[in-house]
Amino acid sequence: MGITVRHATHGDEQPLHALATLTFGLACPPGTTEADITAFIATNLSAERFAGYLADPGRILLLAHDDDRPVGYSMLVRGPIADPDVAAVVDATTSVELSKFYLLAERHGSGAAHALMTATLAEAAATGAETCWLGVNQQNARAARFYTKHGFDIVGVKRFLVGAEWHDDHIRQRKLGQAIRGCTSSATKRT
């Protein structure tokens, strides 16, 4: 059956939390303590928090599956931008945030991330937004290459709190509707 991407719905809270537990630390720079990662997950990526995200009409959550197994997820967020560093370079009225984009480590390089990103960008465009933005740790070279390949350019910098530690992020943004650099295939999307 291969990779499919669908909207996450009520009942997906636990699979989303399980994916977050396995993937959030992959995006953190070396030296991030396990205690800080655990605290961030407990505060922001618990099953209860995912239930709230799923109930929020300003959020879109997508789940990527390989056959019936969840392998990744993404979350788009519409609305005001609270971070002043982001607000200085991103127009909240014409943009949507790619707040979360995570894939199981064993699925890196398999094409699953491309399928999830293709579906995520289609959903972002469907909101009516002109651009999509995200924050990514400056030391996360793998993610930087992936986001560059998918048309996200660095437009600024911001800080991101993980547990008790502040991290330095790049703010990346891309126009919606533009082709993904170096990619010609499309994702199979089921809703």
N, C-alpha and C. Protein backbone atom coordinates (compact mmCIF):
# COMPACT_ATOMS: atom_id res chain seq x y z
N MET A 1 0.81 -1.19 0.00
CA MET A 1 0.00 0.00 0.00
C MET A 1 0.86 1.25 0.00
N GLY A 2 1.97 1.32 0.71
CA GLY A 2 2.88 2.45 0.68
C GLY A 2 2.45 3.59 1.59
N ILE A 3 3.04 4.75 1.35
CA ILE A 3 2.82 5.92 2.19
C ILE A 3 1.49 6.58 1.84
N THR A 4 0.69 6.83 2.85
CA THR A 4 -0.53 7.62 2.71
C THR A 4 -0.48 8.72 3.76
N VAL A 5 -1.15 9.81 3.46
CA VAL A 5 -1.22 10.94 4.40
C VAL A 5 -2.69 11.30 4.54
N ARG A 6 -3.13 11.45 5.78
CA ARG A 6 -4.52 11.79 6.04
C ARG A 6 -4.60 12.81 7.17
N HIS A 7 -5.77 13.44 7.27
CA HIS A 7 -6.02 14.34 8.39
C HIS A 7 -6.08 13.53 9.67
N ALA A 8 -5.41 14.01 10.70
CA ALA A 8 -5.56 13.41 12.02
C ALA A 8 -6.92 13.83 12.57
N THR A 9 -7.54 12.95 13.32
CA THR A 9 -8.87 13.21 13.87
C THR A 9 -8.91 12.78 15.33
N HIS A 10 -10.03 13.07 15.98
CA HIS A 10 -10.24 12.61 17.35
C HIS A 10 -9.98 11.10 17.38
N GLY A 11 -9.21 10.66 18.35
CA GLY A 11 -8.81 9.26 18.44
C GLY A 11 -7.36 9.05 18.05
N ASP A 12 -6.76 10.06 17.40
CA ASP A 12 -5.35 9.98 17.01
C ASP A 12 -4.41 10.60 18.04
N GLU A 13 -4.93 11.02 19.18
CA GLU A 13 -4.12 11.70 20.17
C GLU A 13 -2.95 10.84 20.64
N GLN A 14 -3.23 9.58 20.95
CA GLN A 14 -2.17 8.71 21.46
C GLN A 14 -1.12 8.39 20.39
N PRO A 15 -1.49 8.04 19.15
CA PRO A 15 -0.47 7.84 18.12
C PRO A 15 0.37 9.10 17.87
N LEU A 16 -0.25 10.28 17.91
CA LEU A 16 0.50 11.53 17.73
C LEU A 16 1.49 11.72 18.87
N HIS A 17 1.04 11.49 20.10
CA HIS A 17 1.93 11.60 21.26
C HIS A 17 3.07 10.59 21.16
N ALA A 18 2.76 9.36 20.76
CA ALA A 18 3.81 8.34 20.62
C ALA A 18 4.84 8.76 19.58
N LEU A 19 4.38 9.28 18.45
CA LEU A 19 5.32 9.77 17.42
C LEU A 19 6.16 10.92 17.97
N ALA A 20 5.51 11.84 18.68
CA ALA A 20 6.23 12.99 19.23
C ALA A 20 7.31 12.54 20.21
N THR A 21 6.99 11.55 21.02
CA THR A 21 7.95 11.04 21.99
C THR A 21 9.18 10.45 21.30
N LEU A 22 8.97 9.79 20.17
CA LEU A 22 10.07 9.17 19.43
C LEU A 22 10.83 10.14 18.53
N THR A 23 10.22 11.27 18.17
CA THR A 23 10.84 12.12 17.15
C THR A 23 11.29 13.49 17.61
N PHE A 24 10.70 14.05 18.67
CA PHE A 24 11.04 15.42 19.04
C PHE A 24 12.53 15.59 19.32
N GLY A 25 13.12 14.68 20.04
CA GLY A 25 14.54 14.77 20.38
C GLY A 25 15.46 14.77 19.17
N LEU A 26 14.99 14.21 18.05
CA LEU A 26 15.81 14.19 16.83
C LEU A 26 16.07 15.60 16.29
N ALA A 27 15.19 16.53 16.62
CA ALA A 27 15.32 17.89 16.11
C ALA A 27 16.13 18.79 17.04
N CYS A 28 16.46 18.29 18.22
CA CYS A 28 17.19 19.08 19.20
C CYS A 28 18.69 19.00 18.94
N PRO A 29 19.42 20.07 19.24
CA PRO A 29 20.87 20.04 19.02
C PRO A 29 21.56 19.13 20.03
N PRO A 30 22.76 18.68 19.68
CA PRO A 30 23.54 17.88 20.63
C PRO A 30 23.69 18.66 21.95
N GLY A 31 23.65 17.95 23.03
CA GLY A 31 23.80 18.59 24.32
C GLY A 31 22.49 18.93 24.99
N THR A 32 21.38 18.83 24.26
CA THR A 32 20.08 19.06 24.89
C THR A 32 19.84 17.92 25.87
N THR A 33 19.54 18.27 27.10
CA THR A 33 19.38 17.23 28.11
C THR A 33 18.09 16.44 27.90
N GLU A 34 18.12 15.20 28.29
CA GLU A 34 16.93 14.36 28.23
C GLU A 34 15.83 14.94 29.09
N ALA A 35 16.21 15.56 30.22
CA ALA A 35 15.21 16.17 31.10
C ALA A 35 14.48 17.31 30.39
N ASP A 36 15.21 18.13 29.62
CA ASP A 36 14.58 19.23 28.89
C ASP A 36 13.67 18.70 27.78
N ILE A 37 14.12 17.66 27.09
CA ILE A 37 13.29 17.05 26.03
C ILE A 37 12.02 16.47 26.64
N THR A 38 12.16 15.75 27.73
CA THR A 38 11.01 15.14 28.41
C THR A 38 10.04 16.21 28.90
N ALA A 39 10.57 17.30 29.46
CA ALA A 39 9.72 18.38 29.95
C ALA A 39 8.95 19.02 28.80
N PHE A 40 9.60 19.23 27.66
CA PHE A 40 8.93 19.83 26.51
C PHE A 40 7.81 18.92 26.01
N ILE A 41 8.09 17.64 25.90
CA ILE A 41 7.08 16.69 25.44
C ILE A 41 5.90 16.67 26.40
N ALA A 42 6.17 16.63 27.71
CA ALA A 42 5.08 16.59 28.70
C ALA A 42 4.21 17.85 28.62
N THR A 43 4.83 18.98 28.37
CA THR A 43 4.10 20.25 28.35
C THR A 43 3.38 20.49 27.03
N ASN A 44 4.01 20.14 25.90
CA ASN A 44 3.51 20.53 24.59
C ASN A 44 3.06 19.41 23.68
N LEU A 45 3.46 18.17 23.97
CA LEU A 45 3.21 17.07 23.04
C LEU A 45 2.55 15.86 23.72
N SER A 46 1.84 16.10 24.78
CA SER A 46 1.12 15.03 25.47
C SER A 46 -0.13 14.67 24.67
N ALA A 47 -0.72 13.54 24.98
CA ALA A 47 -1.97 13.15 24.32
C ALA A 47 -3.06 14.20 24.59
N GLU A 48 -3.07 14.76 25.79
CA GLU A 48 -4.05 15.78 26.13
C GLU A 48 -3.86 17.03 25.28
N ARG A 49 -2.59 17.45 25.09
CA ARG A 49 -2.33 18.62 24.24
C ARG A 49 -2.73 18.35 22.80
N PHE A 50 -2.45 17.14 22.30
CA PHE A 50 -2.88 16.81 20.94
C PHE A 50 -4.40 16.83 20.82
N ALA A 51 -5.12 16.41 21.87
CA ALA A 51 -6.58 16.49 21.83
C ALA A 51 -7.02 17.94 21.66
N GLY A 52 -6.35 18.85 22.36
CA GLY A 52 -6.65 20.27 22.21
C GLY A 52 -6.30 20.79 20.82
N TYR A 53 -5.17 20.36 20.30
CA TYR A 53 -4.78 20.78 18.95
C TYR A 53 -5.80 20.30 17.92
N LEU A 54 -6.25 19.06 18.07
CA LEU A 54 -7.22 18.50 17.13
C LEU A 54 -8.56 19.23 17.20
N ALA A 55 -8.91 19.76 18.35
CA ALA A 55 -10.18 20.48 18.52
C ALA A 55 -10.10 21.94 18.08
N ASP A 56 -8.90 22.43 17.84
CA ASP A 56 -8.67 23.84 17.49
C ASP A 56 -8.90 24.04 15.99
N PRO A 57 -9.89 24.85 15.59
CA PRO A 57 -10.14 25.06 14.16
C PRO A 57 -9.03 25.81 13.44
N GLY A 58 -8.12 26.42 14.17
CA GLY A 58 -6.99 27.11 13.57
C GLY A 58 -5.80 26.20 13.29
N ARG A 59 -5.96 24.90 13.54
CA ARG A 59 -4.86 23.95 13.35
C ARG A 59 -5.29 22.82 12.41
N ILE A 60 -4.32 22.36 11.64
CA ILE A 60 -4.51 21.20 10.77
C ILE A 60 -3.40 20.22 11.10
N LEU A 61 -3.76 19.01 11.49
CA LEU A 61 -2.77 17.97 11.77
C LEU A 61 -2.91 16.87 10.74
N LEU A 62 -1.78 16.44 10.20
CA LEU A 62 -1.73 15.36 9.23
C LEU A 62 -0.90 14.22 9.79
N LEU A 63 -1.32 13.00 9.47
CA LEU A 63 -0.59 11.79 9.87
C LEU A 63 -0.14 11.05 8.62
N ALA A 64 1.13 10.69 8.58
CA ALA A 64 1.66 9.85 7.50
C ALA A 64 1.71 8.42 8.00
N HIS A 65 1.24 7.49 7.16
CA HIS A 65 1.23 6.07 7.48
C HIS A 65 2.00 5.30 6.41
N ASP A 66 2.65 4.25 6.84
CA ASP A 66 3.19 3.26 5.92
C ASP A 66 2.38 2.00 6.21
N ASP A 67 1.55 1.64 5.25
CA ASP A 67 0.50 0.66 5.48
C ASP A 67 -0.36 1.18 6.63
N ASP A 68 -0.48 0.47 7.72
CA ASP A 68 -1.31 0.96 8.82
C ASP A 68 -0.50 1.57 9.96
N ARG A 69 0.80 1.69 9.79
CA ARG A 69 1.67 2.17 10.88
C ARG A 69 1.95 3.67 10.74
N PRO A 70 1.61 4.48 11.78
CA PRO A 70 1.96 5.90 11.73
C PRO A 70 3.48 6.08 11.73
N VAL A 71 4.00 6.90 10.79
CA VAL A 71 5.44 7.10 10.70
C VAL A 71 5.85 8.56 10.80
N GLY A 72 4.89 9.49 10.76
CA GLY A 72 5.21 10.90 10.87
C GLY A 72 3.96 11.74 10.96
N TYR A 73 4.16 13.02 11.32
CA TYR A 73 3.03 13.93 11.41
C TYR A 73 3.48 15.36 11.17
N SER A 74 2.52 16.20 10.84
CA SER A 74 2.77 17.63 10.70
C SER A 74 1.60 18.39 11.30
N MET A 75 1.85 19.67 11.63
CA MET A 75 0.79 20.52 12.14
C MET A 75 0.96 21.93 11.59
N LEU A 76 -0.09 22.43 10.99
CA LEU A 76 -0.16 23.80 10.51
C LEU A 76 -0.98 24.63 11.49
N VAL A 77 -0.60 25.91 11.67
CA VAL A 77 -1.30 26.79 12.60
C VAL A 77 -1.55 28.13 11.92
N ARG A 78 -2.82 28.55 11.91
CA ARG A 78 -3.21 29.88 11.43
C ARG A 78 -3.42 30.78 12.64
N GLY A 79 -3.17 32.07 12.45
CA GLY A 79 -3.48 33.00 13.51
C GLY A 79 -2.36 33.97 13.80
N PRO A 80 -2.53 34.72 14.86
CA PRO A 80 -1.54 35.74 15.23
C PRO A 80 -0.18 35.10 15.54
N ILE A 81 0.86 35.86 15.30
CA ILE A 81 2.21 35.42 15.62
C ILE A 81 2.64 36.10 16.90
N ALA A 82 2.87 35.31 17.95
CA ALA A 82 3.22 35.86 19.26
C ALA A 82 4.69 36.25 19.36
N ASP A 83 5.56 35.54 18.66
CA ASP A 83 7.00 35.77 18.76
C ASP A 83 7.36 37.05 17.99
N PRO A 84 7.93 38.06 18.67
CA PRO A 84 8.24 39.32 17.98
C PRO A 84 9.30 39.17 16.89
N ASP A 85 10.23 38.23 17.05
CA ASP A 85 11.25 38.02 16.01
C ASP A 85 10.61 37.48 14.74
N VAL A 86 9.62 36.60 14.88
CA VAL A 86 8.91 36.07 13.71
C VAL A 86 8.02 37.16 13.12
N ALA A 87 7.28 37.86 13.98
CA ALA A 87 6.36 38.90 13.51
C ALA A 87 7.09 39.99 12.73
N ALA A 88 8.37 40.18 13.01
CA ALA A 88 9.15 41.20 12.31
C ALA A 88 9.44 40.83 10.85
N VAL A 89 9.38 39.53 10.53
CA VAL A 89 9.74 39.09 9.17
C VAL A 89 8.65 38.31 8.45
N VAL A 90 7.56 37.96 9.15
CA VAL A 90 6.48 37.17 8.56
C VAL A 90 5.16 37.91 8.76
N ASP A 91 4.37 38.03 7.71
CA ASP A 91 3.06 38.66 7.78
C ASP A 91 2.03 37.61 8.20
N ALA A 92 1.52 37.73 9.41
CA ALA A 92 0.57 36.75 9.94
C ALA A 92 -0.72 36.69 9.14
N THR A 93 -1.09 37.77 8.47
CA THR A 93 -2.35 37.79 7.73
C THR A 93 -2.28 37.02 6.42
N THR A 94 -1.08 36.78 5.93
CA THR A 94 -0.94 36.07 4.64
C THR A 94 -0.16 34.78 4.76
N SER A 95 0.15 34.36 5.99
CA SER A 95 1.01 33.19 6.17
C SER A 95 0.39 32.18 7.12
N VAL A 96 0.82 30.94 6.99
CA VAL A 96 0.45 29.87 7.90
C VAL A 96 1.75 29.25 8.42
N GLU A 97 1.76 28.88 9.69
CA GLU A 97 2.95 28.29 10.30
C GLU A 97 2.95 26.78 10.16
N LEU A 98 4.08 26.23 9.75
CA LEU A 98 4.31 24.80 9.84
C LEU A 98 4.96 24.59 11.20
N SER A 99 4.13 24.32 12.19
CA SER A 99 4.55 24.28 13.59
C SER A 99 5.28 22.99 13.94
N LYS A 100 4.86 21.89 13.33
CA LYS A 100 5.46 20.59 13.63
C LYS A 100 5.60 19.79 12.34
N PHE A 101 6.75 19.13 12.21
CA PHE A 101 6.98 18.25 11.07
C PHE A 101 8.01 17.21 11.52
N TYR A 102 7.54 16.01 11.82
CA TYR A 102 8.41 14.99 12.38
C TYR A 102 8.17 13.64 11.72
N LEU A 103 9.25 12.88 11.58
CA LEU A 103 9.21 11.57 10.97
C LEU A 103 10.09 10.62 11.78
N LEU A 104 9.66 9.37 11.92
CA LEU A 104 10.49 8.39 12.62
C LEU A 104 11.87 8.31 11.97
N ALA A 105 12.90 8.16 12.79
CA ALA A 105 14.28 8.16 12.28
C ALA A 105 14.50 7.09 11.23
N GLU A 106 13.92 5.90 11.42
CA GLU A 106 14.15 4.82 10.45
C GLU A 106 13.48 5.09 9.11
N ARG A 107 12.63 6.12 9.03
CA ARG A 107 11.96 6.47 7.78
C ARG A 107 12.63 7.63 7.05
N HIS A 108 13.68 8.21 7.67
CA HIS A 108 14.42 9.27 6.99
C HIS A 108 15.02 8.70 5.70
N GLY A 109 14.89 9.44 4.61
CA GLY A 109 15.43 9.01 3.32
C GLY A 109 14.56 8.03 2.56
N SER A 110 13.37 7.71 3.08
CA SER A 110 12.52 6.70 2.45
C SER A 110 11.50 7.27 1.48
N GLY A 111 11.36 8.59 1.45
CA GLY A 111 10.32 9.23 0.65
C GLY A 111 9.09 9.60 1.45
N ALA A 112 9.00 9.10 2.68
CA ALA A 112 7.84 9.41 3.51
C ALA A 112 7.79 10.89 3.86
N ALA A 113 8.93 11.50 4.13
CA ALA A 113 8.96 12.93 4.46
C ALA A 113 8.50 13.76 3.27
N HIS A 114 8.91 13.38 2.08
CA HIS A 114 8.48 14.11 0.89
C HIS A 114 6.97 14.01 0.72
N ALA A 115 6.41 12.83 0.92
CA ALA A 115 4.97 12.65 0.81
C ALA A 115 4.24 13.50 1.84
N LEU A 116 4.73 13.50 3.07
CA LEU A 116 4.11 14.30 4.12
C LEU A 116 4.24 15.78 3.82
N MET A 117 5.40 16.23 3.35
CA MET A 117 5.58 17.65 3.04
C MET A 117 4.69 18.07 1.88
N THR A 118 4.58 17.25 0.86
CA THR A 118 3.72 17.58 -0.28
C THR A 118 2.28 17.76 0.17
N ALA A 119 1.79 16.84 0.99
CA ALA A 119 0.42 16.94 1.50
C ALA A 119 0.27 18.15 2.42
N THR A 120 1.28 18.41 3.24
CA THR A 120 1.23 19.54 4.17
C THR A 120 1.18 20.86 3.41
N LEU A 121 1.99 21.00 2.38
CA LEU A 121 1.99 22.24 1.60
C LEU A 121 0.68 22.42 0.84
N ALA A 122 0.09 21.33 0.39
CA ALA A 122 -1.22 21.42 -0.27
C ALA A 122 -2.27 21.91 0.73
N GLU A 123 -2.23 21.40 1.96
CA GLU A 123 -3.16 21.85 2.99
C GLU A 123 -2.90 23.30 3.36
N ALA A 124 -1.64 23.69 3.42
CA ALA A 124 -1.30 25.09 3.73
C ALA A 124 -1.87 26.01 2.65
N ALA A 125 -1.71 25.64 1.40
CA ALA A 125 -2.24 26.45 0.29
C ALA A 125 -3.77 26.50 0.36
N ALA A 126 -4.40 25.41 0.75
CA ALA A 126 -5.86 25.35 0.81
C ALA A 126 -6.43 26.29 1.87
N THR A 127 -5.61 26.74 2.83
CA THR A 127 -6.09 27.69 3.83
C THR A 127 -6.26 29.09 3.25
N GLY A 128 -5.69 29.30 2.05
CA GLY A 128 -5.72 30.62 1.44
C GLY A 128 -4.48 31.44 1.74
N ALA A 129 -3.57 30.88 2.52
CA ALA A 129 -2.33 31.59 2.84
C ALA A 129 -1.45 31.71 1.58
N GLU A 130 -0.67 32.76 1.54
CA GLU A 130 0.27 32.97 0.43
C GLU A 130 1.63 32.35 0.70
N THR A 131 1.99 32.28 1.99
CA THR A 131 3.28 31.73 2.38
C THR A 131 3.13 30.79 3.56
N CYS A 132 4.15 29.97 3.76
CA CYS A 132 4.23 29.05 4.89
C CYS A 132 5.58 29.30 5.56
N TRP A 133 5.60 29.38 6.89
CA TRP A 133 6.84 29.61 7.62
C TRP A 133 7.04 28.56 8.70
N LEU A 134 8.27 28.42 9.14
CA LEU A 134 8.60 27.48 10.21
C LEU A 134 9.85 27.96 10.93
N GLY A 135 10.09 27.39 12.09
CA GLY A 135 11.33 27.59 12.83
C GLY A 135 12.04 26.26 12.93
N VAL A 136 13.36 26.28 12.74
CA VAL A 136 14.15 25.05 12.82
C VAL A 136 15.49 25.37 13.48
N ASN A 137 15.94 24.49 14.36
CA ASN A 137 17.18 24.71 15.06
C ASN A 137 18.33 24.91 14.08
N GLN A 138 19.16 25.90 14.36
CA GLN A 138 20.27 26.25 13.47
C GLN A 138 21.29 25.12 13.34
N GLN A 139 21.35 24.21 14.31
CA GLN A 139 22.31 23.11 14.26
C GLN A 139 21.74 21.86 13.59
N ASN A 140 20.49 21.89 13.19
CA ASN A 140 19.85 20.71 12.60
C ASN A 140 20.11 20.71 11.08
N ALA A 141 21.30 20.25 10.70
CA ALA A 141 21.72 20.30 9.29
C ALA A 141 20.83 19.45 8.39
N ARG A 142 20.40 18.30 8.87
CA ARG A 142 19.55 17.43 8.04
C ARG A 142 18.23 18.13 7.71
N ALA A 143 17.61 18.71 8.73
CA ALA A 143 16.35 19.43 8.50
C ALA A 143 16.58 20.63 7.60
N ALA A 144 17.69 21.34 7.79
CA ALA A 144 17.97 22.51 6.94
C ALA A 144 18.05 22.11 5.47
N ARG A 145 18.72 21.01 5.18
CA ARG A 145 18.80 20.53 3.79
C ARG A 145 17.41 20.17 3.26
N PHE A 146 16.62 19.49 4.08
CA PHE A 146 15.28 19.08 3.68
C PHE A 146 14.41 20.31 3.40
N TYR A 147 14.42 21.27 4.30
CA TYR A 147 13.57 22.45 4.11
C TYR A 147 14.05 23.29 2.92
N THR A 148 15.35 23.37 2.71
CA THR A 148 15.85 24.09 1.53
C THR A 148 15.36 23.40 0.26
N LYS A 149 15.45 22.09 0.22
CA LYS A 149 14.98 21.32 -0.94
C LYS A 149 13.50 21.56 -1.20
N HIS A 150 12.75 21.83 -0.16
CA HIS A 150 11.32 22.04 -0.28
C HIS A 150 10.94 23.52 -0.35
N GLY A 151 11.92 24.37 -0.66
CA GLY A 151 11.65 25.76 -0.97
C GLY A 151 11.61 26.73 0.18
N PHE A 152 11.98 26.30 1.38
CA PHE A 152 11.98 27.21 2.54
C PHE A 152 13.33 27.91 2.63
N ASP A 153 13.29 29.23 2.55
CA ASP A 153 14.50 30.05 2.65
C ASP A 153 14.58 30.71 4.02
N ILE A 154 15.78 30.95 4.50
CA ILE A 154 15.99 31.61 5.79
C ILE A 154 15.61 33.09 5.63
N VAL A 155 14.72 33.55 6.54
CA VAL A 155 14.29 34.95 6.50
C VAL A 155 14.57 35.66 7.82
N GLY A 156 15.04 34.94 8.83
CA GLY A 156 15.33 35.55 10.12
C GLY A 156 15.76 34.52 11.14
N VAL A 157 15.88 34.97 12.38
CA VAL A 157 16.28 34.09 13.49
C VAL A 157 15.36 34.35 14.67
N LYS A 158 15.23 33.34 15.52
CA LYS A 158 14.43 33.45 16.73
C LYS A 158 14.99 32.50 17.77
N ARG A 159 14.44 32.57 18.97
CA ARG A 159 14.83 31.66 20.04
C ARG A 159 13.67 30.73 20.32
N PHE A 160 13.97 29.51 20.82
CA PHE A 160 12.96 28.50 21.09
C PHE A 160 13.31 27.81 22.40
N LEU A 161 12.37 27.78 23.33
CA LEU A 161 12.61 27.21 24.65
C LEU A 161 12.27 25.73 24.68
N VAL A 162 13.26 24.92 25.06
CA VAL A 162 13.07 23.48 25.26
C VAL A 162 13.42 23.19 26.71
N GLY A 163 12.40 22.89 27.52
CA GLY A 163 12.63 22.70 28.95
C GLY A 163 13.11 24.01 29.55
N ALA A 164 14.34 24.01 30.06
CA ALA A 164 14.92 25.22 30.66
C ALA A 164 15.98 25.85 29.76
N GLU A 165 16.16 25.31 28.55
CA GLU A 165 17.24 25.77 27.68
C GLU A 165 16.71 26.47 26.43
N TRP A 166 17.28 27.66 26.15
CA TRP A 166 16.93 28.38 24.93
C TRP A 166 17.80 27.89 23.79
N HIS A 167 17.17 27.69 22.62
CA HIS A 167 17.86 27.26 21.41
C HIS A 167 17.73 28.34 20.35
N ASP A 168 18.69 28.39 19.44
CA ASP A 168 18.67 29.36 18.35
C ASP A 168 18.12 28.69 17.10
N ASP A 169 17.08 29.30 16.56
CA ASP A 169 16.40 28.76 15.37
C ASP A 169 16.53 29.71 14.19
N HIS A 170 16.50 29.14 13.01
CA HIS A 170 16.29 29.92 11.80
C HIS A 170 14.79 29.99 11.55
N ILE A 171 14.33 31.13 11.09
CA ILE A 171 12.97 31.27 10.59
C ILE A 171 13.08 31.06 9.09
N ARG A 172 12.31 30.11 8.57
CA ARG A 172 12.31 29.81 7.14
C ARG A 172 10.90 30.02 6.59
N GLN A 173 10.84 30.47 5.34
CA GLN A 173 9.55 30.74 4.73
C GLN A 173 9.60 30.39 3.25
N ARG A 174 8.46 29.99 2.71
CA ARG A 174 8.35 29.73 1.27
C ARG A 174 6.99 30.22 0.79
N LYS A 175 6.95 30.58 -0.49
CA LYS A 175 5.68 30.92 -1.12
C LYS A 175 4.94 29.62 -1.38
N LEU A 176 3.63 29.66 -1.21
CA LEU A 176 2.82 28.49 -1.50
C LEU A 176 2.46 28.52 -2.98
N GLY A 177 2.30 27.34 -3.55
CA GLY A 177 2.00 27.24 -4.97
C GLY A 177 3.24 27.08 -5.83
N GLN A 178 4.43 27.31 -5.27
CA GLN A 178 5.65 27.12 -6.05
C GLN A 178 6.04 25.64 -6.02
N ALA A 179 6.73 25.21 -7.04
CA ALA A 179 7.17 23.81 -7.12
C ALA A 179 8.21 23.54 -6.05
N ILE A 180 8.25 22.30 -5.60
CA ILE A 180 9.28 21.88 -4.66
C ILE A 180 10.57 21.67 -5.44
N ARG A 181 11.65 22.26 -4.97
CA ARG A 181 12.93 22.22 -5.68
C ARG A 181 13.41 20.79 -5.86
N GLY A 182 13.72 20.45 -7.08
CA GLY A 182 14.32 19.16 -7.37
C GLY A 182 13.39 17.98 -7.20
N CYS A 183 12.09 18.21 -7.06
CA CYS A 183 11.15 17.13 -6.83
C CYS A 183 10.04 17.20 -7.88
N THR A 184 9.70 16.05 -8.42
CA THR A 184 8.64 16.03 -9.41
C THR A 184 7.49 15.10 -9.04
N SER A 185 7.67 14.24 -8.08
CA SER A 185 6.60 13.31 -7.72
C SER A 185 5.61 13.98 -6.77
N SER A 186 4.43 13.39 -6.65
CA SER A 186 3.45 13.93 -5.72
C SER A 186 3.07 12.85 -4.72
N ALA A 187 2.48 13.30 -3.63
CA ALA A 187 2.11 12.37 -2.56
C ALA A 187 0.75 11.76 -2.82
N THR A 188 0.56 10.58 -2.29
CA THR A 188 -0.76 9.99 -2.26
C THR A 188 -1.43 10.53 -1.02
N LYS A 189 -2.56 11.18 -1.19
CA LYS A 189 -3.22 11.82 -0.06
C LYS A 189 -4.61 11.25 0.09
N ARG A 190 -4.91 10.79 1.27
CA ARG A 190 -6.24 10.30 1.58
C ARG A 190 -6.75 11.06 2.77
N THR A 191 -7.95 11.55 2.70
CA THR A 191 -8.52 12.29 3.82
C THR A 191 -9.68 11.56 4.41
